[in-house]
């Protein structure tokens, strides 16, 4: 029997690990808070130690950062590594490293209805491009396309696009951020810290992401208005990306912050802002949007990649 493959979703805050058994089934191993580890190698050694008696020799890592060569650096955490050095240190025969949203894109065909919460209408085209995007520690985006009948995931750095304003509230927030930080990008507002910044400007209150969301759940007006402003902006940017990538296969909303906000989408301006892109309202109205509520789509995608490697 072949040893299991180790798969991991390495975020800025938390790293999640699982084993892909020889029959393709996925066994979750553990989640590790990154603050508890010195570097990625330490996290990986801990995960391998926890994997049991049969040590994996194949590993797929989904990392929250661009993957463009041997040297990889996480965008929102001061961790970097050489793929070659890490593979040798962990005694792996095969190490594959991909962007975390590329992994999430590979997960899209495997998601079940219970993993998704639909927002608005629309119907996906069977062979249309699928888009996954969303806020967490940063903002990520990737697409899944069919080429010669095979899925191909394409990474992007959409979170670092310059951000403009479409409403008076957004203009006020962007003006504040320009004074504080200079050039404003999408993830300055569409991220966990973005929600904090938005709330501070709109309400004058300082609160954590968790406190804002909990207050909104309790019906506190200021927090609810902040959440709605956040989801209005998110809807607009998701609509921009859907047009940019012609995502007629559906738009899937990922990221830890986006998942926690799932109960708010249906009553928020998200879908209206998604569709409000004249003259393409009808095109966007036909594209479905789904919140991914699965806790670790990056693991599912890394597992899909590991299964493909083994079939080869």
C-alpha atoms as a PDB file:
ATOM      1  CA  UNK A   1       0.000   0.000   0.000  1.00  0.00           C
ATOM      2  CA  UNK A   2       1.330   3.416  -0.929  1.00  0.00           C
ATOM      3  CA  UNK A   3       1.976   5.890   1.894  1.00  0.00           C
ATOM      4  CA  UNK A   4      -0.539   8.736   2.206  1.00  0.00           C
ATOM      5  CA  UNK A   5       0.155  12.147   0.688  1.00  0.00           C
ATOM      6  CA  UNK A   6       0.371  15.120   3.032  1.00  0.00           C
ATOM      7  CA  UNK A   7      -1.617  18.197   1.998  1.00  0.00           C
ATOM      8  CA  UNK A   8      -1.584  21.584   3.689  1.00  0.00           C
ATOM      9  CA  UNK A   9      -3.260  24.966   3.540  1.00  0.00           C
ATOM     10  CA  UNK A  10      -0.700  27.466   4.868  1.00  0.00           C
ATOM     11  CA  UNK A  11      -2.474  30.697   5.712  1.00  0.00           C
ATOM     12  CA  UNK A  12      -1.125  33.855   7.274  1.00  0.00           C
ATOM     13  CA  UNK A  13      -2.701  32.970  10.630  1.00  0.00           C
ATOM     14  CA  UNK A  14      -3.364  29.208  10.643  1.00  0.00           C
ATOM     15  CA  UNK A  15      -1.938  26.159   8.879  1.00  0.00           C
ATOM     16  CA  UNK A  16      -4.216  23.158   8.271  1.00  0.00           C
ATOM     17  CA  UNK A  17      -3.028  19.671   7.369  1.00  0.00           C
ATOM     18  CA  UNK A  18      -4.595  16.456   6.145  1.00  0.00           C
ATOM     19  CA  UNK A  19      -3.613  13.090   4.680  1.00  0.00           C
ATOM     20  CA  UNK A  20      -4.798  11.752   1.334  1.00  0.00           C
ATOM     21  CA  UNK A  21      -4.986   7.972   1.682  1.00  0.00           C
ATOM     22  CA  UNK A  22      -4.170   5.571  -1.125  1.00  0.00           C
ATOM     23  CA  UNK A  23      -7.908   5.178  -1.806  1.00  0.00           C
ATOM     24  CA  UNK A  24      -8.239   8.962  -2.263  1.00  0.00           C
ATOM     25  CA  UNK A  25     -10.059   9.622   1.019  1.00  0.00           C
ATOM     26  CA  UNK A  26      -9.083  12.669   3.059  1.00  0.00           C
ATOM     27  CA  UNK A  27      -8.192  12.400   6.759  1.00  0.00           C
ATOM     28  CA  UNK A  28      -7.784  15.664   8.643  1.00  0.00           C
ATOM     29  CA  UNK A  29      -4.680  15.687  10.840  1.00  0.00           C
ATOM     30  CA  UNK A  30      -4.555  19.006  12.648  1.00  0.00           C
ATOM     31  CA  UNK A  31      -4.653  22.800  12.540  1.00  0.00           C
ATOM     32  CA  UNK A  32      -1.721  24.785  13.896  1.00  0.00           C
ATOM     33  CA  UNK A  33      -1.687  28.457  14.894  1.00  0.00           C
ATOM     34  CA  UNK A  34       1.284  29.915  13.038  1.00  0.00           C
ATOM     35  CA  UNK A  35       2.253  32.084  16.012  1.00  0.00           C
ATOM     36  CA  UNK A  36       3.125  28.852  17.838  1.00  0.00           C
ATOM     37  CA  UNK A  37       5.822  27.945  15.282  1.00  0.00           C
ATOM     38  CA  UNK A  38       9.142  29.516  14.382  1.00  0.00           C
ATOM     39  CA  UNK A  39       8.826  28.966  10.643  1.00  0.00           C
ATOM     40  CA  UNK A  40       7.165  26.819   7.996  1.00  0.00           C
ATOM     41  CA  UNK A  41       9.694  24.010   8.323  1.00  0.00           C
ATOM     42  CA  UNK A  42       8.833  23.666  12.028  1.00  0.00           C
ATOM     43  CA  UNK A  43       5.113  23.528  11.217  1.00  0.00           C
ATOM     44  CA  UNK A  44       5.727  20.900   8.536  1.00  0.00           C
ATOM     45  CA  UNK A  45       7.870  18.724  10.820  1.00  0.00           C
ATOM     46  CA  UNK A  46       5.102  18.825  13.447  1.00  0.00           C
ATOM     47  CA  UNK A  47       2.501  17.801  10.864  1.00  0.00           C
ATOM     48  CA  UNK A  48       4.651  14.933   9.570  1.00  0.00           C
ATOM     49  CA  UNK A  49       5.252  13.750  13.131  1.00  0.00           C
ATOM     50  CA  UNK A  50       1.475  13.712  13.693  1.00  0.00           C
ATOM     51  CA  UNK A  51       0.793  11.803  10.477  1.00  0.00           C
ATOM     52  CA  UNK A  52       1.327   8.381  12.042  1.00  0.00           C
ATOM     53  CA  UNK A  53       3.632   5.446  11.462  1.00  0.00           C
ATOM     54  CA  UNK A  54       3.667   5.674   7.648  1.00  0.00           C
ATOM     55  CA  UNK A  55       5.533   8.825   6.681  1.00  0.00           C
ATOM     56  CA  UNK A  56       4.228  10.658   3.564  1.00  0.00           C
ATOM     57  CA  UNK A  57       6.681  11.086   0.703  1.00  0.00           C
ATOM     58  CA  UNK A  58       4.450  13.336  -1.439  1.00  0.00           C
ATOM     59  CA  UNK A  59       3.265  16.732  -0.234  1.00  0.00           C
ATOM     60  CA  UNK A  60       1.096  19.473  -1.758  1.00  0.00           C
ATOM     61  CA  UNK A  61       1.246  22.894  -0.089  1.00  0.00           C
ATOM     62  CA  UNK A  62      -1.269  25.663  -0.709  1.00  0.00           C
ATOM     63  CA  UNK A  63       0.320  28.912   0.504  1.00  0.00           C
ATOM     64  CA  UNK A  64      -1.030  32.426   0.986  1.00  0.00           C
ATOM     65  CA  UNK A  65       1.363  34.094  -1.422  1.00  0.00           C
ATOM     66  CA  UNK A  66       2.557  34.057  -5.034  1.00  0.00           C
ATOM     67  CA  UNK A  67       4.432  30.985  -6.287  1.00  0.00           C
ATOM     68  CA  UNK A  68       6.709  32.026  -9.121  1.00  0.00           C
ATOM     69  CA  UNK A  69       9.962  30.134  -8.584  1.00  0.00           C
ATOM     70  CA  UNK A  70      11.926  28.136  -6.037  1.00  0.00           C
ATOM     71  CA  UNK A  71      11.793  30.880  -3.387  1.00  0.00           C
ATOM     72  CA  UNK A  72       8.327  31.410  -1.926  1.00  0.00           C
ATOM     73  CA  UNK A  73       7.281  34.116   0.544  1.00  0.00           C
ATOM     74  CA  UNK A  74       3.923  34.453   2.280  1.00  0.00           C
ATOM     75  CA  UNK A  75       2.320  37.823   1.577  1.00  0.00           C
ATOM     76  CA  UNK A  76       0.981  38.612   5.045  1.00  0.00           C
ATOM     77  CA  UNK A  77       3.438  36.705   7.239  1.00  0.00           C
ATOM     78  CA  UNK A  78       7.210  36.919   7.443  1.00  0.00           C
ATOM     79  CA  UNK A  79       7.781  33.347   6.348  1.00  0.00           C
ATOM     80  CA  UNK A  80       9.749  32.352   3.274  1.00  0.00           C
ATOM     81  CA  UNK A  81      11.321  29.135   2.077  1.00  0.00           C
ATOM     82  CA  UNK A  82      13.095  27.383  -0.769  1.00  0.00           C
ATOM     83  CA  UNK A  83      11.010  24.583  -2.258  1.00  0.00           C
ATOM     84  CA  UNK A  84      14.159  22.588  -3.008  1.00  0.00           C
ATOM     85  CA  UNK A  85      15.577  22.942   0.514  1.00  0.00           C
ATOM     86  CA  UNK A  86      12.221  22.181   2.153  1.00  0.00           C
ATOM     87  CA  UNK A  87      11.726  19.042   0.055  1.00  0.00           C
ATOM     88  CA  UNK A  88      15.147  17.696   1.092  1.00  0.00           C
ATOM     89  CA  UNK A  89      14.703  18.680   4.750  1.00  0.00           C
ATOM     90  CA  UNK A  90      11.385  16.815   4.915  1.00  0.00           C
ATOM     91  CA  UNK A  91      12.741  13.820   2.916  1.00  0.00           C
ATOM     92  CA  UNK A  92       9.996  14.060   0.310  1.00  0.00           C
ATOM     93  CA  UNK A  93      10.177  12.548  -3.160  1.00  0.00           C
ATOM     94  CA  UNK A  94       7.716  15.135  -4.478  1.00  0.00           C
ATOM     95  CA  UNK A  95       6.750  18.594  -3.205  1.00  0.00           C
ATOM     96  CA  UNK A  96       4.206  20.735  -5.073  1.00  0.00           C
ATOM     97  CA  UNK A  97       3.588  24.311  -3.921  1.00  0.00           C
ATOM     98  CA  UNK A  98       0.663  26.370  -5.246  1.00  0.00           C
ATOM     99  CA  UNK A  99      -1.050  29.616  -4.310  1.00  0.00           C
ATOM    100  CA  UNK A 100      -3.863  29.027  -1.797  1.00  0.00           C
ATOM    101  CA  UNK A 101      -6.535  30.389  -4.139  1.00  0.00           C
ATOM    102  CA  UNK A 102      -5.230  28.170  -6.942  1.00  0.00           C
ATOM    103  CA  UNK A 103      -5.885  25.277  -4.550  1.00  0.00           C
ATOM    104  CA  UNK A 104      -9.329  26.674  -3.745  1.00  0.00           C
ATOM    105  CA  UNK A 105     -10.043  26.823  -7.492  1.00  0.00           C
ATOM    106  CA  UNK A 106      -9.153  23.127  -7.826  1.00  0.00           C
ATOM    107  CA  UNK A 107     -11.597  22.425  -4.990  1.00  0.00           C
ATOM    108  CA  UNK A 108     -14.585  23.992  -6.754  1.00  0.00           C
ATOM    109  CA  UNK A 109     -15.733  20.878  -8.708  1.00  0.00           C
ATOM    110  CA  UNK A 110     -15.561  18.804  -5.498  1.00  0.00           C
ATOM    111  CA  UNK A 111     -17.746  21.066  -3.335  1.00  0.00           C
ATOM    112  CA  UNK A 112     -21.110  19.678  -2.269  1.00  0.00           C
ATOM    113  CA  UNK A 113     -24.328  21.615  -1.860  1.00  0.00           C
ATOM    114  CA  UNK A 114     -23.809  21.572   1.919  1.00  0.00           C
ATOM    115  CA  UNK A 115     -20.483  23.374   1.411  1.00  0.00           C
ATOM    116  CA  UNK A 116     -22.188  26.336  -0.288  1.00  0.00           C
ATOM    117  CA  UNK A 117     -24.702  29.061   0.513  1.00  0.00           C
ATOM    118  CA  UNK A 118     -26.176  30.634  -2.633  1.00  0.00           C
ATOM    119  CA  UNK A 119     -26.647  34.390  -2.845  1.00  0.00           C
ATOM    120  CA  UNK A 120     -29.065  35.644  -5.501  1.00  0.00           C
ATOM    121  CA  UNK A 121     -30.046  33.890  -8.695  1.00  0.00           C
ATOM    122  CA  UNK A 122     -28.309  32.904 -11.892  1.00  0.00           C
ATOM    123  CA  UNK A 123     -27.268  29.585 -13.374  1.00  0.00           C
ATOM    124  CA  UNK A 124     -23.735  28.489 -14.151  1.00  0.00           C
ATOM    125  CA  UNK A 125     -22.649  27.451 -17.637  1.00  0.00           C
ATOM    126  CA  UNK A 126     -21.310  23.893 -17.595  1.00  0.00           C
ATOM    127  CA  UNK A 127     -17.973  24.695 -19.231  1.00  0.00           C
ATOM    128  CA  UNK A 128     -17.769  28.328 -18.163  1.00  0.00           C
ATOM    129  CA  UNK A 129     -14.857  29.824 -16.258  1.00  0.00           C
ATOM    130  CA  UNK A 130     -15.282  29.539 -12.484  1.00  0.00           C
ATOM    131  CA  UNK A 131     -13.987  32.322 -10.233  1.00  0.00           C
ATOM    132  CA  UNK A 132     -13.084  32.022  -6.554  1.00  0.00           C
ATOM    133  CA  UNK A 133     -12.244  35.144  -4.576  1.00  0.00           C
ATOM    134  CA  UNK A 134     -12.491  36.463  -1.064  1.00  0.00           C
ATOM    135  CA  UNK A 135     -11.251  38.232   2.048  1.00  0.00           C
ATOM    136  CA  UNK A 136      -9.281  36.695   4.867  1.00  0.00           C
ATOM    137  CA  UNK A 137      -6.012  38.030   6.234  1.00  0.00           C
ATOM    138  CA  UNK A 138      -5.621  39.414   2.697  1.00  0.00           C
ATOM    139  CA  UNK A 139      -7.740  39.127  -0.472  1.00  0.00           C
ATOM    140  CA  UNK A 140      -7.222  36.340  -2.973  1.00  0.00           C
ATOM    141  CA  UNK A 141      -8.616  35.364  -6.356  1.00  0.00           C
ATOM    142  CA  UNK A 142      -8.134  32.634  -8.961  1.00  0.00           C
ATOM    143  CA  UNK A 143     -10.036  31.045 -11.839  1.00  0.00           C
ATOM    144  CA  UNK A 144     -10.654  27.478 -12.943  1.00  0.00           C
ATOM    145  CA  UNK A 145     -10.932  26.953 -16.687  1.00  0.00           C
ATOM    146  CA  UNK A 146     -11.444  23.887 -18.853  1.00  0.00           C
ATOM    147  CA  UNK A 147      -8.718  23.377 -21.438  1.00  0.00           C
ATOM    148  CA  UNK A 148      -8.870  20.253 -23.636  1.00  0.00           C
ATOM    149  CA  UNK A 149     -11.314  18.810 -21.135  1.00  0.00           C
ATOM    150  CA  UNK A 150      -8.918  19.251 -18.193  1.00  0.00           C
ATOM    151  CA  UNK A 151      -9.229  21.816 -15.394  1.00  0.00           C
ATOM    152  CA  UNK A 152      -6.577  24.510 -15.245  1.00  0.00           C
ATOM    153  CA  UNK A 153      -6.343  26.941 -12.337  1.00  0.00           C
ATOM    154  CA  UNK A 154      -4.916  30.400 -12.966  1.00  0.00           C
ATOM    155  CA  UNK A 155      -3.653  32.576 -10.113  1.00  0.00           C
ATOM    156  CA  UNK A 156      -4.061  36.316  -9.807  1.00  0.00           C
ATOM    157  CA  UNK A 157      -3.029  39.106  -7.441  1.00  0.00           C
ATOM    158  CA  UNK A 158      -6.384  40.866  -7.638  1.00  0.00           C
ATOM    159  CA  UNK A 159      -6.143  41.838  -3.969  1.00  0.00           C
ATOM    160  CA  UNK A 160      -3.418  44.306  -4.892  1.00  0.00           C
ATOM    161  CA  UNK A 161      -5.407  46.137  -7.565  1.00  0.00           C
ATOM    162  CA  UNK A 162      -5.918  49.844  -6.854  1.00  0.00           C
ATOM    163  CA  UNK A 163      -9.271  50.563  -5.220  1.00  0.00           C
ATOM    164  CA  UNK A 164     -11.552  53.417  -6.218  1.00  0.00           C
ATOM    165  CA  UNK A 165     -14.829  54.617  -4.712  1.00  0.00           C
ATOM    166  CA  UNK A 166     -18.363  54.231  -6.097  1.00  0.00           C
ATOM    167  CA  UNK A 167     -20.365  55.774  -3.212  1.00  0.00           C
ATOM    168  CA  UNK A 168     -19.977  58.776  -0.911  1.00  0.00           C
ATOM    169  CA  UNK A 169     -19.201  56.472   2.042  1.00  0.00           C
ATOM    170  CA  UNK A 170     -16.543  54.648   0.046  1.00  0.00           C
ATOM    171  CA  UNK A 171     -15.023  57.984  -1.042  1.00  0.00           C
ATOM    172  CA  UNK A 172     -14.777  59.077   2.600  1.00  0.00           C
ATOM    173  CA  UNK A 173     -13.122  55.790   3.597  1.00  0.00           C
ATOM    174  CA  UNK A 174     -10.686  55.815   0.660  1.00  0.00           C
ATOM    175  CA  UNK A 175      -9.754  59.447   1.422  1.00  0.00           C
ATOM    176  CA  UNK A 176      -8.875  58.467   5.002  1.00  0.00           C
ATOM    177  CA  UNK A 177      -6.772  55.543   3.826  1.00  0.00           C
ATOM    178  CA  UNK A 178      -4.949  57.645   1.237  1.00  0.00           C
ATOM    179  CA  UNK A 179      -3.898  60.025   4.011  1.00  0.00           C
ATOM    180  CA  UNK A 180      -2.782  57.132   6.219  1.00  0.00           C
ATOM    181  CA  UNK A 181      -1.260  54.685   3.751  1.00  0.00           C
ATOM    182  CA  UNK A 182      -0.935  56.285   0.323  1.00  0.00           C
ATOM    183  CA  UNK A 183      -2.081  54.052  -2.538  1.00  0.00           C
ATOM    184  CA  UNK A 184      -5.197  52.078  -1.553  1.00  0.00           C
ATOM    185  CA  UNK A 185      -5.651  48.508  -2.794  1.00  0.00           C
ATOM    186  CA  UNK A 186      -8.573  46.095  -2.675  1.00  0.00           C
ATOM    187  CA  UNK A 187      -7.285  44.214   0.362  1.00  0.00           C
ATOM    188  CA  UNK A 188      -6.829  47.418   2.356  1.00  0.00           C
ATOM    189  CA  UNK A 189     -10.613  47.196   2.796  1.00  0.00           C
ATOM    190  CA  UNK A 190     -11.593  43.668   1.758  1.00  0.00           C
ATOM    191  CA  UNK A 191      -9.806  41.744   4.516  1.00  0.00           C
ATOM    192  CA  UNK A 192     -10.092  41.233   8.257  1.00  0.00           C
ATOM    193  CA  UNK A 193      -8.189  44.433   8.980  1.00  0.00           C
ATOM    194  CA  UNK A 194     -10.124  46.124   6.183  1.00  0.00           C
ATOM    195  CA  UNK A 195     -13.341  45.572   8.115  1.00  0.00           C
ATOM    196  CA  UNK A 196     -11.668  47.198  11.152  1.00  0.00           C
ATOM    197  CA  UNK A 197     -10.575  50.200   9.063  1.00  0.00           C
ATOM    198  CA  UNK A 198     -14.005  50.555   7.515  1.00  0.00           C
ATOM    199  CA  UNK A 199     -15.711  50.484  10.909  1.00  0.00           C
ATOM    200  CA  UNK A 200     -13.305  53.056  12.378  1.00  0.00           C
ATOM    201  CA  UNK A 201     -13.969  55.561   9.590  1.00  0.00           C
ATOM    202  CA  UNK A 202     -17.732  55.013   9.327  1.00  0.00           C
ATOM    203  CA  UNK A 203     -18.544  54.846  13.058  1.00  0.00           C
ATOM    204  CA  UNK A 204     -15.565  56.397  14.823  1.00  0.00           C
ATOM    205  CA  UNK A 205     -15.290  53.222  16.921  1.00  0.00           C
ATOM    206  CA  UNK A 206     -12.226  50.998  17.321  1.00  0.00           C
ATOM    207  CA  UNK A 207     -13.102  47.295  17.412  1.00  0.00           C
ATOM    208  CA  UNK A 208     -11.679  43.973  16.275  1.00  0.00           C
ATOM    209  CA  UNK A 209     -13.039  42.027  13.319  1.00  0.00           C
ATOM    210  CA  UNK A 210     -14.631  39.508  15.676  1.00  0.00           C
ATOM    211  CA  UNK A 211     -16.225  42.250  17.800  1.00  0.00           C
ATOM    212  CA  UNK A 212     -17.701  43.986  14.747  1.00  0.00           C
ATOM    213  CA  UNK A 213     -19.232  40.788  13.361  1.00  0.00           C
ATOM    214  CA  UNK A 214     -20.618  39.759  16.756  1.00  0.00           C
ATOM    215  CA  UNK A 215     -22.145  43.219  17.279  1.00  0.00           C
ATOM    216  CA  UNK A 216     -23.726  43.008  13.819  1.00  0.00           C
ATOM    217  CA  UNK A 217     -25.185  39.591  14.731  1.00  0.00           C
ATOM    218  CA  UNK A 218     -26.732  41.206  17.808  1.00  0.00           C
ATOM    219  CA  UNK A 219     -28.351  43.878  15.619  1.00  0.00           C
ATOM    220  CA  UNK A 220     -26.142  46.819  16.674  1.00  0.00           C
ATOM    221  CA  UNK A 221     -26.747  49.493  14.026  1.00  0.00           C
ATOM    222  CA  UNK A 222     -23.195  50.796  13.620  1.00  0.00           C
ATOM    223  CA  UNK A 223     -21.724  47.316  13.207  1.00  0.00           C
ATOM    224  CA  UNK A 224     -24.487  46.184  10.865  1.00  0.00           C
ATOM    225  CA  UNK A 225     -23.981  49.277   8.692  1.00  0.00           C
ATOM    226  CA  UNK A 226     -20.253  48.527   8.549  1.00  0.00           C
ATOM    227  CA  UNK A 227     -20.886  44.913   7.525  1.00  0.00           C
ATOM    228  CA  UNK A 228     -23.333  46.038   4.830  1.00  0.00           C
ATOM    229  CA  UNK A 229     -20.822  48.607   3.539  1.00  0.00           C
ATOM    230  CA  UNK A 230     -18.166  45.866   3.460  1.00  0.00           C
ATOM    231  CA  UNK A 231     -20.433  43.474   1.552  1.00  0.00           C
ATOM    232  CA  UNK A 232     -21.523  46.221  -0.848  1.00  0.00           C
ATOM    233  CA  UNK A 233     -17.869  46.855  -1.696  1.00  0.00           C
ATOM    234  CA  UNK A 234     -17.198  43.116  -1.915  1.00  0.00           C
ATOM    235  CA  UNK A 235     -20.136  42.674  -4.294  1.00  0.00           C
ATOM    236  CA  UNK A 236     -18.829  45.425  -6.558  1.00  0.00           C
ATOM    237  CA  UNK A 237     -15.305  43.994  -6.674  1.00  0.00           C
ATOM    238  CA  UNK A 238     -16.624  40.448  -7.238  1.00  0.00           C
ATOM    239  CA  UNK A 239     -18.702  41.809 -10.117  1.00  0.00           C
ATOM    240  CA  UNK A 240     -15.625  43.558 -11.539  1.00  0.00           C
ATOM    241  CA  UNK A 241     -13.700  40.277 -11.435  1.00  0.00           C
ATOM    242  CA  UNK A 242     -16.589  38.298 -12.908  1.00  0.00           C
ATOM    243  CA  UNK A 243     -16.559  40.654 -15.894  1.00  0.00           C
ATOM    244  CA  UNK A 244     -12.761  40.652 -16.150  1.00  0.00           C
ATOM    245  CA  UNK A 245     -12.594  36.835 -16.271  1.00  0.00           C
ATOM    246  CA  UNK A 246     -16.017  36.237 -17.924  1.00  0.00           C
ATOM    247  CA  UNK A 247     -16.843  33.917 -15.017  1.00  0.00           C
ATOM    248  CA  UNK A 248     -20.021  32.321 -16.398  1.00  0.00           C
ATOM    249  CA  UNK A 249     -19.258  29.104 -14.528  1.00  0.00           C
ATOM    250  CA  UNK A 250     -20.085  30.874 -11.267  1.00  0.00           C
ATOM    251  CA  UNK A 251     -18.452  33.048  -8.633  1.00  0.00           C
ATOM    252  CA  UNK A 252     -17.450  31.355  -5.373  1.00  0.00           C
ATOM    253  CA  UNK A 253     -16.818  33.490  -2.304  1.00  0.00           C
ATOM    254  CA  UNK A 254     -14.032  32.154  -0.099  1.00  0.00           C
ATOM    255  CA  UNK A 255     -11.778  33.385   2.709  1.00  0.00           C
ATOM    256  CA  UNK A 256     -12.247  33.202   6.451  1.00  0.00           C
ATOM    257  CA  UNK A 257     -13.891  36.612   6.805  1.00  0.00           C
ATOM    258  CA  UNK A 258     -16.250  35.968   3.905  1.00  0.00           C
ATOM    259  CA  UNK A 259     -17.266  32.609   5.400  1.00  0.00           C
ATOM    260  CA  UNK A 260     -18.012  34.094   8.838  1.00  0.00           C
ATOM    261  CA  UNK A 261     -20.179  36.756   7.187  1.00  0.00           C
ATOM    262  CA  UNK A 262     -22.304  34.118   5.394  1.00  0.00           C
ATOM    263  CA  UNK A 263     -25.475  34.865   7.439  1.00  0.00           C
ATOM    264  CA  UNK A 264     -25.428  38.514   6.307  1.00  0.00           C
ATOM    265  CA  UNK A 265     -25.199  38.198   2.510  1.00  0.00           C
ATOM    266  CA  UNK A 266     -28.875  37.664   1.716  1.00  0.00           C
ATOM    267  CA  UNK A 267     -30.029  40.827   3.528  1.00  0.00           C
ATOM    268  CA  UNK A 268     -27.058  42.935   2.407  1.00  0.00           C
ATOM    269  CA  UNK A 269     -26.410  44.991  -0.766  1.00  0.00           C
ATOM    270  CA  UNK A 270     -23.888  42.345  -1.951  1.00  0.00           C
ATOM    271  CA  UNK A 271     -25.858  40.925  -4.859  1.00  0.00           C
ATOM    272  CA  UNK A 272     -27.227  44.292  -6.013  1.00  0.00           C
ATOM    273  CA  UNK A 273     -23.680  45.690  -6.084  1.00  0.00           C
ATOM    274  CA  UNK A 274     -22.466  42.558  -7.904  1.00  0.00           C
ATOM    275  CA  UNK A 275     -24.999  43.070 -10.695  1.00  0.00           C
ATOM    276  CA  UNK A 276     -24.847  46.888 -10.906  1.00  0.00           C
ATOM    277  CA  UNK A 277     -22.270  47.204 -13.692  1.00  0.00           C
ATOM    278  CA  UNK A 278     -23.941  48.985 -16.626  1.00  0.00           C
ATOM    279  CA  UNK A 279     -24.333  48.008 -19.390  1.00  0.00           C
ATOM    280  CA  UNK A 280     -23.740  44.397 -18.229  1.00  0.00           C
ATOM    281  CA  UNK A 281     -26.407  43.996 -15.549  1.00  0.00           C
ATOM    282  CA  UNK A 282     -28.103  41.150 -17.442  1.00  0.00           C
ATOM    283  CA  UNK A 283     -24.840  39.244 -17.907  1.00  0.00           C
ATOM    284  CA  UNK A 284     -24.025  39.468 -14.207  1.00  0.00           C
ATOM    285  CA  UNK A 285     -27.582  38.648 -13.147  1.00  0.00           C
ATOM    286  CA  UNK A 286     -27.148  35.330 -14.984  1.00  0.00           C
ATOM    287  CA  UNK A 287     -24.019  34.412 -12.990  1.00  0.00           C
ATOM    288  CA  UNK A 288     -24.629  32.610  -9.674  1.00  0.00           C
ATOM    289  CA  UNK A 289     -22.700  33.570  -6.540  1.00  0.00           C
ATOM    290  CA  UNK A 290     -22.053  31.099  -3.721  1.00  0.00           C
ATOM    291  CA  UNK A 291     -20.435  31.527  -0.307  1.00  0.00           C
ATOM    292  CA  UNK A 292     -18.079  28.629   0.456  1.00  0.00           C
ATOM    293  CA  UNK A 293     -18.822  27.597   4.038  1.00  0.00           C
ATOM    294  CA  UNK A 294     -16.496  24.583   4.026  1.00  0.00           C
ATOM    295  CA  UNK A 295     -13.814  25.285   6.655  1.00  0.00           C
ATOM    296  CA  UNK A 296     -10.814  24.452   4.448  1.00  0.00           C
ATOM    297  CA  UNK A 297     -11.383  24.549   0.683  1.00  0.00           C
ATOM    298  CA  UNK A 298      -7.619  24.917   0.233  1.00  0.00           C
ATOM    299  CA  UNK A 299      -7.159  21.432   1.697  1.00  0.00           C
ATOM    300  CA  UNK A 300      -9.784  20.018  -0.664  1.00  0.00           C
ATOM    301  CA  UNK A 301      -7.992  21.586  -3.618  1.00  0.00           C
ATOM    302  CA  UNK A 302      -4.560  20.422  -2.476  1.00  0.00           C
ATOM    303  CA  UNK A 303      -6.021  16.919  -2.133  1.00  0.00           C
ATOM    304  CA  UNK A 304      -7.412  17.109  -5.686  1.00  0.00           C
ATOM    305  CA  UNK A 305      -3.930  18.055  -6.938  1.00  0.00           C
ATOM    306  CA  UNK A 306      -2.362  15.196  -4.943  1.00  0.00           C
ATOM    307  CA  UNK A 307      -4.810  12.693  -6.481  1.00  0.00           C
ATOM    308  CA  UNK A 308      -3.915  13.953  -9.977  1.00  0.00           C
ATOM    309  CA  UNK A 309      -0.199  13.520  -9.244  1.00  0.00           C
ATOM    310  CA  UNK A 310      -0.776   9.945  -8.128  1.00  0.00           C
ATOM    311  CA  UNK A 311      -2.817   9.069 -11.206  1.00  0.00           C
ATOM    312  CA  UNK A 312       0.138  10.079 -13.326  1.00  0.00           C
END
